Amino acid sequence: MGIIWTIIIGFVAGVIAKFIMPGDNEPSGFILTTILGIIGAFVANFLGQAMGWYGPMDSAGLIGAVVGAIIVLAVYGFVRRPT
């Protein structure tokens, strides 16, 4: 159930992160934004567990997932920046 919950939270976090951090170089597609939000939720889970904020069976909440999604969107924007 933890992975499914992370995917659901990541979906919501991706949409919220897109509203917080709009831009021309950000992914404009709804599906890509959602996928990056889900990846951000997994990143938040991993970093939170690595830093000791969450236990082994805990997952990041909505705020942690939004922060993770914003980080992933920022990295995506820097990588996809035209030269």
N, C-alpha and C. Protein backbone atom coordinates (compact mmCIF):
# COMPACT_ATOMS: atom_id res chain seq x y z
N MET A 1 0.82 -1.19 0.00
CA MET A 1 0.00 0.00 0.00
C MET A 1 0.86 1.25 0.00
N GLY A 2 2.09 1.17 0.49
CA GLY A 2 2.97 2.33 0.55
C GLY A 2 3.31 2.89 -0.81
N ILE A 3 3.55 2.02 -1.79
CA ILE A 3 3.91 2.49 -3.13
C ILE A 3 2.71 3.15 -3.80
N ILE A 4 1.54 2.57 -3.63
CA ILE A 4 0.34 3.16 -4.22
C ILE A 4 0.06 4.52 -3.60
N TRP A 5 0.21 4.63 -2.29
CA TRP A 5 0.00 5.91 -1.61
C TRP A 5 1.02 6.95 -2.09
N THR A 6 2.26 6.54 -2.29
CA THR A 6 3.28 7.45 -2.79
C THR A 6 2.95 7.94 -4.19
N ILE A 7 2.41 7.07 -5.03
CA ILE A 7 2.03 7.46 -6.39
C ILE A 7 0.88 8.46 -6.35
N ILE A 8 -0.10 8.22 -5.49
CA ILE A 8 -1.24 9.14 -5.39
C ILE A 8 -0.78 10.51 -4.87
N ILE A 9 0.02 10.49 -3.82
CA ILE A 9 0.55 11.75 -3.27
C ILE A 9 1.44 12.44 -4.31
N GLY A 10 2.24 11.67 -5.03
CA GLY A 10 3.10 12.23 -6.07
C GLY A 10 2.33 12.89 -7.19
N PHE A 11 1.19 12.30 -7.53
CA PHE A 11 0.33 12.89 -8.55
C PHE A 11 -0.14 14.27 -8.12
N VAL A 12 -0.65 14.36 -6.91
CA VAL A 12 -1.12 15.64 -6.38
C VAL A 12 0.04 16.62 -6.22
N ALA A 13 1.18 16.11 -5.74
CA ALA A 13 2.35 16.97 -5.53
C ALA A 13 2.87 17.53 -6.85
N GLY A 14 2.82 16.74 -7.92
CA GLY A 14 3.27 17.23 -9.23
C GLY A 14 2.42 18.37 -9.73
N VAL A 15 1.11 18.27 -9.53
CA VAL A 15 0.21 19.34 -9.95
C VAL A 15 0.45 20.60 -9.11
N ILE A 16 0.60 20.43 -7.80
CA ILE A 16 0.86 21.58 -6.93
C ILE A 16 2.20 22.22 -7.26
N ALA A 17 3.23 21.39 -7.49
CA ALA A 17 4.56 21.93 -7.80
C ALA A 17 4.55 22.70 -9.11
N LYS A 18 3.74 22.26 -10.06
CA LYS A 18 3.64 22.98 -11.34
C LYS A 18 3.02 24.35 -11.14
N PHE A 19 2.04 24.46 -10.24
CA PHE A 19 1.44 25.76 -9.95
C PHE A 19 2.40 26.67 -9.18
N ILE A 20 3.22 26.09 -8.32
CA ILE A 20 4.18 26.87 -7.53
C ILE A 20 5.33 27.34 -8.40
N MET A 21 5.76 26.49 -9.34
CA MET A 21 6.97 26.77 -10.11
C MET A 21 6.67 26.72 -11.61
N PRO A 22 5.89 27.65 -12.14
CA PRO A 22 5.64 27.64 -13.58
C PRO A 22 6.83 28.22 -14.33
N GLY A 23 6.91 27.92 -15.60
CA GLY A 23 7.99 28.48 -16.40
C GLY A 23 7.95 27.94 -17.81
N ASP A 24 8.68 28.59 -18.70
CA ASP A 24 8.70 28.16 -20.10
C ASP A 24 9.47 26.88 -20.30
N ASN A 25 10.52 26.68 -19.51
CA ASN A 25 11.36 25.50 -19.70
C ASN A 25 10.90 24.30 -18.88
N GLU A 26 9.80 24.44 -18.20
CA GLU A 26 9.26 23.34 -17.40
C GLU A 26 8.40 22.46 -18.30
N PRO A 27 8.18 21.22 -17.90
CA PRO A 27 7.34 20.36 -18.73
C PRO A 27 5.91 20.89 -18.75
N SER A 28 5.37 21.04 -19.95
CA SER A 28 4.05 21.62 -20.06
C SER A 28 2.95 20.57 -20.13
N GLY A 29 3.32 19.35 -20.40
CA GLY A 29 2.33 18.30 -20.49
C GLY A 29 1.88 17.82 -19.12
N PHE A 30 0.60 17.53 -19.01
CA PHE A 30 0.02 17.09 -17.75
C PHE A 30 0.62 15.75 -17.31
N ILE A 31 0.81 14.85 -18.25
CA ILE A 31 1.34 13.52 -17.91
C ILE A 31 2.78 13.62 -17.46
N LEU A 32 3.61 14.40 -18.15
CA LEU A 32 5.01 14.54 -17.76
C LEU A 32 5.14 15.22 -16.40
N THR A 33 4.32 16.22 -16.15
CA THR A 33 4.33 16.88 -14.85
C THR A 33 3.94 15.91 -13.75
N THR A 34 2.95 15.09 -14.01
CA THR A 34 2.51 14.09 -13.04
C THR A 34 3.61 13.06 -12.78
N ILE A 35 4.26 12.60 -13.82
CA ILE A 35 5.35 11.62 -13.65
C ILE A 35 6.49 12.22 -12.85
N LEU A 36 6.84 13.46 -13.13
CA LEU A 36 7.90 14.11 -12.36
C LEU A 36 7.47 14.32 -10.91
N GLY A 37 6.20 14.56 -10.67
CA GLY A 37 5.69 14.67 -9.30
C GLY A 37 5.80 13.35 -8.56
N ILE A 38 5.49 12.25 -9.24
CA ILE A 38 5.61 10.93 -8.62
C ILE A 38 7.07 10.63 -8.32
N ILE A 39 7.96 10.97 -9.25
CA ILE A 39 9.40 10.79 -8.99
C ILE A 39 9.82 11.65 -7.81
N GLY A 40 9.30 12.87 -7.73
CA GLY A 40 9.61 13.75 -6.59
C GLY A 40 9.15 13.17 -5.27
N ALA A 41 8.00 12.50 -5.26
CA ALA A 41 7.53 11.86 -4.04
C ALA A 41 8.46 10.73 -3.62
N PHE A 42 8.93 9.95 -4.59
CA PHE A 42 9.88 8.89 -4.28
C PHE A 42 11.22 9.47 -3.80
N VAL A 43 11.64 10.58 -4.40
CA VAL A 43 12.87 11.24 -3.95
C VAL A 43 12.71 11.73 -2.52
N ALA A 44 11.55 12.32 -2.20
CA ALA A 44 11.30 12.79 -0.84
C ALA A 44 11.30 11.63 0.15
N ASN A 45 10.71 10.50 -0.24
CA ASN A 45 10.75 9.32 0.63
C ASN A 45 12.17 8.86 0.87
N PHE A 46 12.95 8.77 -0.20
CA PHE A 46 14.32 8.29 -0.08
C PHE A 46 15.17 9.23 0.77
N LEU A 47 15.10 10.52 0.49
CA LEU A 47 15.91 11.47 1.24
C LEU A 47 15.47 11.55 2.71
N GLY A 48 14.17 11.50 2.95
CA GLY A 48 13.66 11.54 4.32
C GLY A 48 14.10 10.32 5.12
N GLN A 49 14.08 9.15 4.50
CA GLN A 49 14.53 7.95 5.18
C GLN A 49 16.03 7.95 5.37
N ALA A 50 16.77 8.47 4.39
CA ALA A 50 18.23 8.52 4.50
C ALA A 50 18.67 9.50 5.60
N MET A 51 17.92 10.57 5.80
CA MET A 51 18.28 11.56 6.82
C MET A 51 17.69 11.22 8.18
N GLY A 52 16.90 10.16 8.25
CA GLY A 52 16.35 9.74 9.53
C GLY A 52 15.06 10.44 9.91
N TRP A 53 14.46 11.18 9.00
CA TRP A 53 13.21 11.86 9.30
C TRP A 53 12.04 10.90 9.30
N TYR A 54 12.10 9.87 8.45
CA TYR A 54 11.05 8.88 8.34
C TYR A 54 11.63 7.51 8.69
N GLY A 55 10.77 6.66 9.21
CA GLY A 55 11.18 5.29 9.50
C GLY A 55 11.20 4.46 8.22
N PRO A 56 11.62 3.21 8.31
CA PRO A 56 11.70 2.37 7.12
C PRO A 56 10.35 2.14 6.42
N MET A 57 9.27 2.13 7.16
CA MET A 57 7.96 1.90 6.55
C MET A 57 7.15 3.19 6.40
N ASP A 58 7.72 4.33 6.75
CA ASP A 58 7.02 5.62 6.63
C ASP A 58 7.23 6.19 5.23
N SER A 59 6.33 7.04 4.83
CA SER A 59 6.48 7.74 3.56
C SER A 59 6.34 9.24 3.79
N ALA A 60 6.82 9.99 2.84
CA ALA A 60 6.74 11.45 2.94
C ALA A 60 5.29 11.88 2.80
N GLY A 61 4.93 12.91 3.48
CA GLY A 61 3.59 13.45 3.37
C GLY A 61 3.48 14.35 2.16
N LEU A 62 2.39 15.06 2.08
CA LEU A 62 2.14 15.91 0.92
C LEU A 62 3.16 17.03 0.82
N ILE A 63 3.52 17.64 1.92
CA ILE A 63 4.49 18.75 1.88
C ILE A 63 5.85 18.24 1.44
N GLY A 64 6.29 17.13 1.98
CA GLY A 64 7.57 16.55 1.56
C GLY A 64 7.57 16.16 0.10
N ALA A 65 6.45 15.62 -0.37
CA ALA A 65 6.36 15.23 -1.78
C ALA A 65 6.36 16.45 -2.69
N VAL A 66 5.72 17.54 -2.25
CA VAL A 66 5.73 18.77 -3.06
C VAL A 66 7.15 19.33 -3.14
N VAL A 67 7.86 19.32 -2.02
CA VAL A 67 9.25 19.78 -2.04
C VAL A 67 10.10 18.90 -2.96
N GLY A 68 9.91 17.59 -2.88
CA GLY A 68 10.63 16.67 -3.77
C GLY A 68 10.28 16.92 -5.22
N ALA A 69 9.00 17.17 -5.51
CA ALA A 69 8.58 17.44 -6.88
C ALA A 69 9.16 18.75 -7.39
N ILE A 70 9.24 19.76 -6.54
CA ILE A 70 9.85 21.04 -6.95
C ILE A 70 11.33 20.84 -7.26
N ILE A 71 12.01 20.03 -6.45
CA ILE A 71 13.42 19.74 -6.71
C ILE A 71 13.58 19.04 -8.05
N VAL A 72 12.74 18.04 -8.31
CA VAL A 72 12.83 17.30 -9.57
C VAL A 72 12.49 18.21 -10.75
N LEU A 73 11.48 19.07 -10.61
CA LEU A 73 11.14 20.01 -11.69
C LEU A 73 12.27 21.00 -11.95
N ALA A 74 12.94 21.46 -10.89
CA ALA A 74 14.07 22.38 -11.07
C ALA A 74 15.22 21.69 -11.79
N VAL A 75 15.53 20.47 -11.39
CA VAL A 75 16.60 19.72 -12.06
C VAL A 75 16.23 19.46 -13.52
N TYR A 76 14.98 19.10 -13.76
CA TYR A 76 14.52 18.87 -15.13
C TYR A 76 14.65 20.15 -15.97
N GLY A 77 14.30 21.29 -15.37
CA GLY A 77 14.41 22.56 -16.08
C GLY A 77 15.84 22.92 -16.43
N PHE A 78 16.79 22.61 -15.52
CA PHE A 78 18.20 22.88 -15.79
C PHE A 78 18.77 21.94 -16.85
N VAL A 79 18.35 20.69 -16.81
CA VAL A 79 18.86 19.71 -17.77
C VAL A 79 18.30 19.97 -19.16
N ARG A 80 17.02 20.32 -19.25
CA ARG A 80 16.38 20.54 -20.54
C ARG A 80 16.55 21.95 -21.08
N ARG A 81 17.34 22.78 -20.41
CA ARG A 81 17.54 24.16 -20.85
C ARG A 81 18.25 24.18 -22.21
N PRO A 82 17.73 24.92 -23.16
CA PRO A 82 18.39 25.00 -24.47
C PRO A 82 19.73 25.72 -24.37
N THR A 83 20.66 25.29 -25.17
CA THR A 83 22.00 25.89 -25.14
C THR A 83 22.13 27.05 -26.06
